[in-house]
Protein backbone atom coordinates (compact mmCIF):
# COMPACT_ATOMS: atom_id res chain seq x y z
CA MET A 1 -19.06 -19.43 -95.45
CA ASN A 2 -17.15 -20.05 -98.66
CA THR A 3 -13.41 -19.54 -99.08
CA ALA A 4 -13.71 -16.09 -100.70
CA ASP A 5 -15.90 -14.87 -97.82
CA ARG A 6 -13.49 -16.31 -95.25
CA LEU A 7 -10.63 -14.49 -96.96
CA ILE A 8 -12.56 -11.20 -96.97
CA GLU A 9 -13.57 -11.55 -93.31
CA SER A 10 -10.01 -12.44 -92.31
CA THR A 11 -8.69 -9.43 -94.20
CA ARG A 12 -11.25 -7.15 -92.55
CA ALA A 13 -10.14 -8.32 -89.10
CA LEU A 14 -6.46 -8.04 -89.90
CA LEU A 15 -6.81 -4.57 -91.45
CA TRP A 16 -8.50 -3.48 -88.23
CA GLU A 17 -5.85 -5.08 -86.00
CA ARG A 18 -2.67 -4.50 -88.01
CA GLY A 19 -3.34 -2.04 -90.81
CA TYR A 20 -2.68 -2.57 -94.50
CA VAL A 21 1.12 -2.93 -94.31
CA GLY A 22 0.90 -5.29 -91.32
CA THR A 23 -1.61 -7.55 -93.07
CA SER A 24 0.39 -10.17 -94.92
CA PRO A 25 -1.06 -12.69 -97.36
CA LYS A 26 0.28 -15.44 -95.08
CA ALA A 27 -1.62 -14.02 -92.07
CA ILE A 28 -4.80 -13.72 -94.16
CA LEU A 29 -4.55 -17.34 -95.28
CA GLU A 30 -3.82 -18.59 -91.76
CA ARG A 31 -6.74 -16.67 -90.25
CA ALA A 32 -9.08 -17.83 -93.03
CA GLY A 33 -7.93 -21.43 -92.76
CA ALA A 34 -7.34 -21.38 -96.50
CA GLY A 35 -4.74 -23.01 -98.68
CA GLN A 36 -1.84 -21.13 -100.22
CA GLY A 37 -3.36 -20.77 -103.68
CA SER A 38 -6.80 -19.74 -102.44
CA MET A 39 -6.19 -16.01 -102.33
CA TYR A 40 -4.94 -15.89 -105.90
CA HIS A 41 -7.76 -18.13 -107.07
CA HIS A 42 -10.37 -15.62 -105.85
CA PHE A 43 -8.43 -12.33 -105.92
CA SER A 44 -5.60 -10.87 -107.97
CA GLY A 45 -3.60 -10.19 -104.78
CA LYS A 46 -3.55 -8.54 -101.40
CA ARG A 47 -4.70 -5.14 -102.71
CA ASP A 48 -7.69 -6.65 -104.51
CA LEU A 49 -8.63 -8.59 -101.39
CA ALA A 50 -8.21 -5.47 -99.22
CA LEU A 51 -10.51 -3.56 -101.59
CA ALA A 52 -13.17 -6.28 -101.22
CA ALA A 53 -12.78 -6.10 -97.43
CA VAL A 54 -13.05 -2.29 -97.34
CA ARG A 55 -16.10 -2.40 -99.61
CA ARG A 56 -17.79 -4.98 -97.38
CA THR A 57 -17.09 -2.93 -94.26
CA ALA A 58 -18.53 0.17 -95.94
CA GLN A 59 -21.59 -1.75 -97.14
CA GLU A 60 -22.28 -3.14 -93.68
CA MET A 61 -22.09 0.35 -92.19
CA ARG A 62 -24.57 1.64 -94.76
CA GLU A 63 -26.96 -1.25 -94.13
CA SER A 64 -26.80 -0.75 -90.38
CA ALA A 65 -27.45 2.99 -90.69
CA GLU A 66 -30.23 2.46 -93.21
CA GLU A 67 -32.11 0.27 -90.72
CA ARG A 68 -32.59 3.37 -88.56
CA PHE A 69 -33.08 5.76 -91.45
CA ARG A 70 -35.97 3.67 -92.83
CA SER A 71 -37.63 3.11 -89.47
CA PRO A 72 -41.01 4.70 -88.74
CA GLY A 73 -41.12 8.28 -87.52
CA THR A 74 -40.28 11.78 -88.58
CA GLY A 75 -36.98 12.68 -90.18
CA LEU A 76 -35.74 14.04 -86.87
CA GLU A 77 -36.83 10.89 -85.01
CA ARG A 78 -34.97 8.71 -87.51
CA VAL A 79 -31.77 10.77 -87.19
CA THR A 80 -32.14 10.51 -83.41
CA ALA A 81 -32.63 6.74 -83.64
CA TYR A 82 -29.44 6.49 -85.70
CA LEU A 83 -27.49 8.57 -83.20
CA LEU A 84 -28.75 6.54 -80.25
CA ARG A 85 -28.37 3.08 -81.79
CA GLU A 86 -26.26 0.59 -79.94
CA ARG A 87 -22.60 0.60 -80.99
CA GLU A 88 -19.37 -1.01 -79.83
CA VAL A 89 -18.01 2.44 -79.06
CA LEU A 90 -14.60 1.43 -77.75
CA LYS A 91 -13.86 -0.52 -80.91
CA GLY A 92 -14.38 2.66 -82.90
CA CYS A 93 -16.11 3.11 -86.21
CA PRO A 94 -15.17 0.31 -88.63
CA VAL A 95 -15.11 2.75 -91.56
CA GLY A 96 -13.71 5.73 -89.70
CA GLY A 97 -10.94 3.57 -88.30
CA LEU A 98 -9.73 2.88 -91.83
CA THR A 99 -8.86 6.58 -92.21
CA GLN A 100 -6.11 6.09 -89.61
CA ASP A 101 -4.22 3.76 -91.95
CA PRO A 102 -1.88 5.98 -94.01
CA ASP A 103 -1.10 3.24 -96.54
CA LEU A 104 -4.76 2.51 -97.19
CA MET A 105 -5.60 6.23 -97.47
CA ALA A 106 -2.68 6.82 -99.85
CA ASP A 107 -4.29 4.50 -102.41
CA PRO A 108 -7.18 6.31 -104.15
CA GLU A 109 -9.00 3.08 -104.99
CA LEU A 110 -8.81 1.72 -101.44
CA ARG A 111 -9.80 5.12 -100.01
CA ALA A 112 -12.79 5.57 -102.37
CA PRO A 113 -15.28 3.29 -100.52
CA VAL A 114 -14.48 5.11 -97.26
CA ASP A 115 -15.02 8.54 -98.79
CA GLU A 116 -18.15 7.38 -100.63
CA THR A 117 -19.62 5.96 -97.43
CA PHE A 118 -19.12 9.16 -95.48
CA ALA A 119 -20.52 11.20 -98.39
CA TRP A 120 -23.55 8.88 -98.48
CA LEU A 121 -24.01 9.20 -94.71
CA ARG A 122 -23.88 13.01 -94.83
CA GLU A 123 -26.34 13.07 -97.74
CA ARG A 124 -28.70 10.62 -96.06
CA ILE A 125 -28.75 12.56 -92.78
CA ALA A 126 -29.15 15.85 -94.72
CA SER A 127 -32.18 14.43 -96.53
CA LEU A 128 -33.80 13.45 -93.23
CA LEU A 129 -33.06 16.86 -91.74
CA SER A 130 -34.53 18.48 -94.87
CA GLU A 131 -37.63 16.36 -94.41
CA ALA A 132 -37.86 17.48 -90.76
CA ARG A 133 -37.45 21.11 -91.82
CA GLU A 134 -40.13 20.79 -94.50
CA ASP A 135 -42.49 19.14 -92.00
CA GLY A 136 -41.98 22.09 -89.69
CA ALA A 137 -40.19 20.04 -87.00
CA LEU A 138 -36.94 21.98 -87.40
CA ASP A 139 -36.27 25.70 -87.82
CA SER A 140 -36.34 26.66 -91.51
CA ALA A 141 -32.99 28.47 -91.08
CA LEU A 142 -31.21 25.18 -90.31
CA ASP A 143 -28.88 24.14 -93.13
CA PRO A 144 -29.37 20.36 -93.54
CA ALA A 145 -26.07 19.72 -95.36
CA ASP A 146 -23.93 21.65 -92.86
CA THR A 147 -25.79 20.10 -89.94
CA ALA A 148 -25.38 16.60 -91.36
CA ALA A 149 -21.64 17.22 -91.74
CA ALA A 150 -21.51 18.31 -88.11
CA VAL A 151 -23.46 15.23 -86.96
CA VAL A 152 -21.04 12.88 -88.76
CA ALA A 153 -18.03 14.80 -87.41
CA VAL A 154 -19.40 14.59 -83.86
CA LEU A 155 -19.89 10.83 -84.17
CA GLN A 156 -16.40 10.24 -85.52
CA GLY A 157 -14.88 12.56 -82.94
CA GLY A 158 -16.88 10.83 -80.22
CA TYR A 159 -15.30 7.51 -81.19
CA VAL A 160 -11.83 9.05 -80.97
CA LEU A 161 -12.50 10.64 -77.57
CA ALA A 162 -13.97 7.39 -76.23
CA ARG A 163 -11.00 5.34 -77.36
CA ALA A 164 -8.56 7.87 -75.91
CA ALA A 165 -10.36 7.76 -72.54
CA ASP A 166 -10.99 4.01 -72.71
CA SER A 167 -14.57 4.84 -71.83
CA ALA A 168 -17.78 5.13 -73.84
CA GLU A 169 -18.81 8.18 -71.80
CA PRO A 170 -17.20 10.82 -74.10
CA PHE A 171 -19.01 9.29 -77.09
CA HIS A 172 -22.37 9.34 -75.34
CA ARG A 173 -21.80 12.91 -74.17
CA ALA A 174 -20.97 13.97 -77.73
CA VAL A 175 -24.17 12.34 -79.03
CA GLY A 176 -26.14 13.96 -76.21
CA GLY A 177 -24.64 17.31 -77.14
CA VAL A 178 -25.55 17.07 -80.81
CA LEU A 179 -29.07 15.92 -79.90
CA ALA A 180 -29.40 18.96 -77.59
CA LEU A 181 -28.28 21.23 -80.41
CA LEU A 182 -30.81 19.68 -82.77
CA GLY A 183 -33.46 19.94 -80.05
CA ALA A 184 -32.72 23.63 -79.71
CA ARG A 185 -33.60 24.03 -83.42
CA ALA A 186 -36.82 22.02 -83.09
CA THR A 187 -39.98 24.02 -83.58
CA HIS A 188 -42.29 21.91 -81.42
């Protein structure tokens, strides 16, 4: 891993652990094992490095989700595969967790990759639900966009409930609940 990648990965970890304000350039450099001038050689400063870290986190989430969305099966089966995929539930969602950082969310440029990722996720799930509706697998009255928004909200809420309980059970129950609701709208 090159120095720029080490700096980005260190920043990602520190943002998760300490938040934006608590992530100092010194801590980033120490964690990355990089020299003092390294950050400013590759990035214009902490904010630029944080933006690269947030973008990488968002990209990784999209890639992970897309693995399930592109898998074989019907639209409904692919949404189900995404919902049931293995996750480190108690760590929370790497992108959703960023929304808890008021300093990061106060900066429109740092917030943008988070918002864009959730918009992409809602749109991607909506397209799969539309496909399932068109194939006759889901009731034609189901609104794919509203349902996709509910699915994403359930996932994010499930992470919060799991972390609060220090147990993955609330997350898995939330996923089971949304799958039951989708199943109730299935036509066969």
